[in-house]
Amino acid sequence: MLKRGLFLFVVLVSLFLPATAYAQVHARPVSTATLSPSPTNQGTNLSTYSDPVTVTIDATADTGYTVANTYYKIDGGQQQNYSSPFTVSGSGTHSIEYWSVDNAGIEEFPHKSQSFIISPQQGVIN
């Protein structure tokens, strides 16, 4: 009897709840990163850039929503709030992880990442 009563309660409550009481499902935000300047060597998996590299992140939210925040990490470091383009410098292999969250709290998942190589700066000999 308890199971039947609980089922009846759920059915009755769901009939009388306004449509706005249900969570709306929508697409997650989408972020893209652009690195500049152009790579000095376009690789299949890793491209090589001159030092420093400027990273610009653009994000869009589903129709009717806005991007509340965009975040990034450099080389697995601390999470940072993205507000404007940032630079990555120093020769070697680097990676950025980035993602956005919309105004409904929906997080882009999986987070995106991009790895690249910064070539050592060449010295000038007089």
C-alpha atoms as a PDB file:
ATOM      1  CA  MET A   1       0.000   0.000   0.000  1.00  0.00           C
ATOM      2  CA  LEU A   2       2.866   2.389   0.739  1.00  0.00           C
ATOM      3  CA  LYS A   3       4.273   2.016  -2.770  1.00  0.00           C
ATOM      4  CA  ARG A   4       0.877   2.625  -4.342  1.00  0.00           C
ATOM      5  CA  GLY A   5       0.266   5.654  -2.133  1.00  0.00           C
ATOM      6  CA  LEU A   6       3.660   7.132  -2.948  1.00  0.00           C
ATOM      7  CA  PHE A   7       3.080   6.609  -6.664  1.00  0.00           C
ATOM      8  CA  LEU A   8      -0.334   8.281  -6.449  1.00  0.00           C
ATOM      9  CA  PHE A   9       1.187  11.226  -4.562  1.00  0.00           C
ATOM     10  CA  VAL A  10       3.904  11.716  -7.209  1.00  0.00           C
ATOM     11  CA  VAL A  11       1.341  11.565 -10.006  1.00  0.00           C
ATOM     12  CA  LEU A  12      -0.981  14.045  -8.312  1.00  0.00           C
ATOM     13  CA  VAL A  13       1.796  16.478  -7.438  1.00  0.00           C
ATOM     14  CA  SER A  14       3.205  16.358 -10.969  1.00  0.00           C
ATOM     15  CA  LEU A  15      -0.237  17.145 -12.405  1.00  0.00           C
ATOM     16  CA  PHE A  16      -0.536  20.306 -10.347  1.00  0.00           C
ATOM     17  CA  LEU A  17       3.010  21.687 -10.529  1.00  0.00           C
ATOM     18  CA  PRO A  18       3.451  24.531 -12.999  1.00  0.00           C
ATOM     19  CA  ALA A  19       5.633  23.801 -16.013  1.00  0.00           C
ATOM     20  CA  THR A  20       8.253  26.249 -14.686  1.00  0.00           C
ATOM     21  CA  ALA A  21       8.904  23.965 -11.706  1.00  0.00           C
ATOM     22  CA  TYR A  22      10.810  21.514 -13.878  1.00  0.00           C
ATOM     23  CA  ALA A  23      14.476  22.025 -14.738  1.00  0.00           C
ATOM     24  CA  GLN A  24      15.016  23.177 -18.289  1.00  0.00           C
ATOM     25  CA  VAL A  25      17.571  21.201 -20.244  1.00  0.00           C
ATOM     26  CA  HIS A  26      19.737  23.112 -22.690  1.00  0.00           C
ATOM     27  CA  ALA A  27      23.078  22.817 -24.448  1.00  0.00           C
ATOM     28  CA  ARG A  28      26.304  23.436 -22.582  1.00  0.00           C
ATOM     29  CA  PRO A  29      28.407  26.505 -23.399  1.00  0.00           C
ATOM     30  CA  VAL A  30      31.099  26.119 -26.048  1.00  0.00           C
ATOM     31  CA  SER A  31      34.554  27.734 -25.791  1.00  0.00           C
ATOM     32  CA  THR A  32      37.281  28.086 -28.401  1.00  0.00           C
ATOM     33  CA  ALA A  33      40.887  29.235 -27.959  1.00  0.00           C
ATOM     34  CA  THR A  34      42.960  31.079 -30.520  1.00  0.00           C
ATOM     35  CA  LEU A  35      46.755  31.289 -30.233  1.00  0.00           C
ATOM     36  CA  SER A  36      48.816  34.039 -31.814  1.00  0.00           C
ATOM     37  CA  PRO A  37      51.044  34.780 -33.566  1.00  0.00           C
ATOM     38  CA  SER A  38      50.644  32.090 -36.201  1.00  0.00           C
ATOM     39  CA  PRO A  39      52.713  28.964 -35.559  1.00  0.00           C
ATOM     40  CA  THR A  40      56.241  28.897 -36.933  1.00  0.00           C
ATOM     41  CA  ASN A  41      55.837  25.157 -37.575  1.00  0.00           C
ATOM     42  CA  GLN A  42      52.397  23.580 -37.978  1.00  0.00           C
ATOM     43  CA  GLY A  43      52.587  20.107 -36.438  1.00  0.00           C
ATOM     44  CA  THR A  44      50.114  17.247 -36.576  1.00  0.00           C
ATOM     45  CA  ASN A  45      49.681  17.092 -32.792  1.00  0.00           C
ATOM     46  CA  LEU A  46      51.772  20.013 -31.539  1.00  0.00           C
ATOM     47  CA  SER A  47      52.475  23.273 -33.313  1.00  0.00           C
ATOM     48  CA  THR A  48      55.512  25.416 -32.555  1.00  0.00           C
ATOM     49  CA  TYR A  49      55.184  29.127 -31.759  1.00  0.00           C
ATOM     50  CA  SER A  50      57.596  31.966 -31.074  1.00  0.00           C
ATOM     51  CA  ASP A  51      57.790  33.381 -27.541  1.00  0.00           C
ATOM     52  CA  PRO A  52      55.421  34.675 -26.155  1.00  0.00           C
ATOM     53  CA  VAL A  53      52.070  33.177 -27.204  1.00  0.00           C
ATOM     54  CA  THR A  54      48.873  35.174 -26.697  1.00  0.00           C
ATOM     55  CA  VAL A  55      45.769  33.102 -25.927  1.00  0.00           C
ATOM     56  CA  THR A  56      42.295  34.471 -26.636  1.00  0.00           C
ATOM     57  CA  ILE A  57      39.234  32.511 -25.499  1.00  0.00           C
ATOM     58  CA  ASP A  58      35.763  33.045 -26.967  1.00  0.00           C
ATOM     59  CA  ALA A  59      32.667  31.417 -25.499  1.00  0.00           C
ATOM     60  CA  THR A  60      29.027  31.173 -26.518  1.00  0.00           C
ATOM     61  CA  ALA A  61      25.999  29.986 -24.593  1.00  0.00           C
ATOM     62  CA  ASP A  62      22.831  28.316 -25.813  1.00  0.00           C
ATOM     63  CA  THR A  63      20.006  30.560 -27.066  1.00  0.00           C
ATOM     64  CA  GLY A  64      18.380  32.397 -24.172  1.00  0.00           C
ATOM     65  CA  TYR A  65      21.412  32.036 -21.893  1.00  0.00           C
ATOM     66  CA  THR A  66      24.621  33.974 -21.366  1.00  0.00           C
ATOM     67  CA  VAL A  67      28.169  32.989 -20.490  1.00  0.00           C
ATOM     68  CA  ALA A  68      28.612  33.765 -16.796  1.00  0.00           C
ATOM     69  CA  ASN A  69      32.310  32.834 -16.478  1.00  0.00           C
ATOM     70  CA  THR A  70      35.165  31.402 -18.472  1.00  0.00           C
ATOM     71  CA  TYR A  71      38.090  29.731 -16.721  1.00  0.00           C
ATOM     72  CA  TYR A  72      41.521  28.467 -17.698  1.00  0.00           C
ATOM     73  CA  LYS A  73      44.600  26.726 -16.342  1.00  0.00           C
ATOM     74  CA  ILE A  74      48.128  27.020 -17.707  1.00  0.00           C
ATOM     75  CA  ASP A  75      50.315  23.911 -17.516  1.00  0.00           C
ATOM     76  CA  GLY A  76      48.001  22.298 -14.937  1.00  0.00           C
ATOM     77  CA  GLY A  77      48.300  25.268 -12.564  1.00  0.00           C
ATOM     78  CA  GLN A  78      45.661  27.119 -10.594  1.00  0.00           C
ATOM     79  CA  GLN A  79      42.245  27.832 -12.093  1.00  0.00           C
ATOM     80  CA  GLN A  80      42.002  31.432 -13.249  1.00  0.00           C
ATOM     81  CA  ASN A  81      39.050  33.568 -14.305  1.00  0.00           C
ATOM     82  CA  TYR A  82      39.369  34.634 -17.947  1.00  0.00           C
ATOM     83  CA  SER A  83      38.646  38.302 -18.588  1.00  0.00           C
ATOM     84  CA  SER A  84      41.043  39.189 -21.409  1.00  0.00           C
ATOM     85  CA  PRO A  85      43.738  37.578 -23.570  1.00  0.00           C
ATOM     86  CA  PHE A  86      46.744  36.289 -21.633  1.00  0.00           C
ATOM     87  CA  THR A  87      50.279  35.281 -22.577  1.00  0.00           C
ATOM     88  CA  VAL A  88      52.216  32.077 -22.116  1.00  0.00           C
ATOM     89  CA  SER A  89      55.996  32.329 -22.347  1.00  0.00           C
ATOM     90  CA  GLY A  90      59.111  30.263 -21.889  1.00  0.00           C
ATOM     91  CA  SER A  91      60.544  27.667 -24.220  1.00  0.00           C
ATOM     92  CA  GLY A  92      59.186  24.142 -24.038  1.00  0.00           C
ATOM     93  CA  THR A  93      55.860  22.348 -24.221  1.00  0.00           C
ATOM     94  CA  HIS A  94      52.851  24.092 -22.663  1.00  0.00           C
ATOM     95  CA  SER A  95      49.174  23.303 -22.286  1.00  0.00           C
ATOM     96  CA  ILE A  96      46.062  25.282 -21.554  1.00  0.00           C
ATOM     97  CA  GLU A  97      42.775  23.891 -20.245  1.00  0.00           C
ATOM     98  CA  TYR A  98      39.692  26.072 -20.620  1.00  0.00           C
ATOM     99  CA  TRP A  99      35.919  25.943 -20.133  1.00  0.00           C
ATOM    100  CA  SER A 100      32.875  28.139 -19.574  1.00  0.00           C
ATOM    101  CA  VAL A 101      29.807  28.172 -17.336  1.00  0.00           C
ATOM    102  CA  ASP A 102      26.492  29.742 -18.334  1.00  0.00           C
ATOM    103  CA  ASN A 103      24.146  31.848 -16.203  1.00  0.00           C
ATOM    104  CA  ALA A 104      22.116  28.730 -15.287  1.00  0.00           C
ATOM    105  CA  GLY A 105      25.250  27.100 -13.838  1.00  0.00           C
ATOM    106  CA  ILE A 106      25.695  24.601 -16.685  1.00  0.00           C
ATOM    107  CA  GLU A 107      29.408  23.875 -17.162  1.00  0.00           C
ATOM    108  CA  GLU A 108      31.066  23.074 -20.454  1.00  0.00           C
ATOM    109  CA  PHE A 109      32.136  19.449 -20.252  1.00  0.00           C
ATOM    110  CA  PRO A 110      34.480  17.958 -21.047  1.00  0.00           C
ATOM    111  CA  HIS A 111      36.869  20.855 -20.565  1.00  0.00           C
ATOM    112  CA  LYS A 112      38.867  21.690 -23.663  1.00  0.00           C
ATOM    113  CA  SER A 113      42.640  21.671 -23.824  1.00  0.00           C
ATOM    114  CA  GLN A 114      45.345  22.618 -26.248  1.00  0.00           C
ATOM    115  CA  SER A 115      49.065  21.865 -26.124  1.00  0.00           C
ATOM    116  CA  PHE A 116      51.789  23.669 -28.033  1.00  0.00           C
ATOM    117  CA  ILE A 117      55.545  24.221 -28.109  1.00  0.00           C
ATOM    118  CA  ILE A 118      57.304  27.545 -27.663  1.00  0.00           C
ATOM    119  CA  SER A 119      60.645  27.513 -29.453  1.00  0.00           C
ATOM    120  CA  PRO A 120      63.694  28.912 -27.684  1.00  0.00           C
ATOM    121  CA  GLN A 121      64.412  32.527 -28.541  1.00  0.00           C
ATOM    122  CA  GLN A 122      67.321  32.898 -30.878  1.00  0.00           C
ATOM    123  CA  GLY A 123      70.093  35.191 -29.681  1.00  0.00           C
ATOM    124  CA  VAL A 124      71.597  37.920 -31.830  1.00  0.00           C
ATOM    125  CA  ILE A 125      75.338  37.825 -32.455  1.00  0.00           C
ATOM    126  CA  ASN A 126      77.037  41.057 -33.495  1.00  0.00           C
END
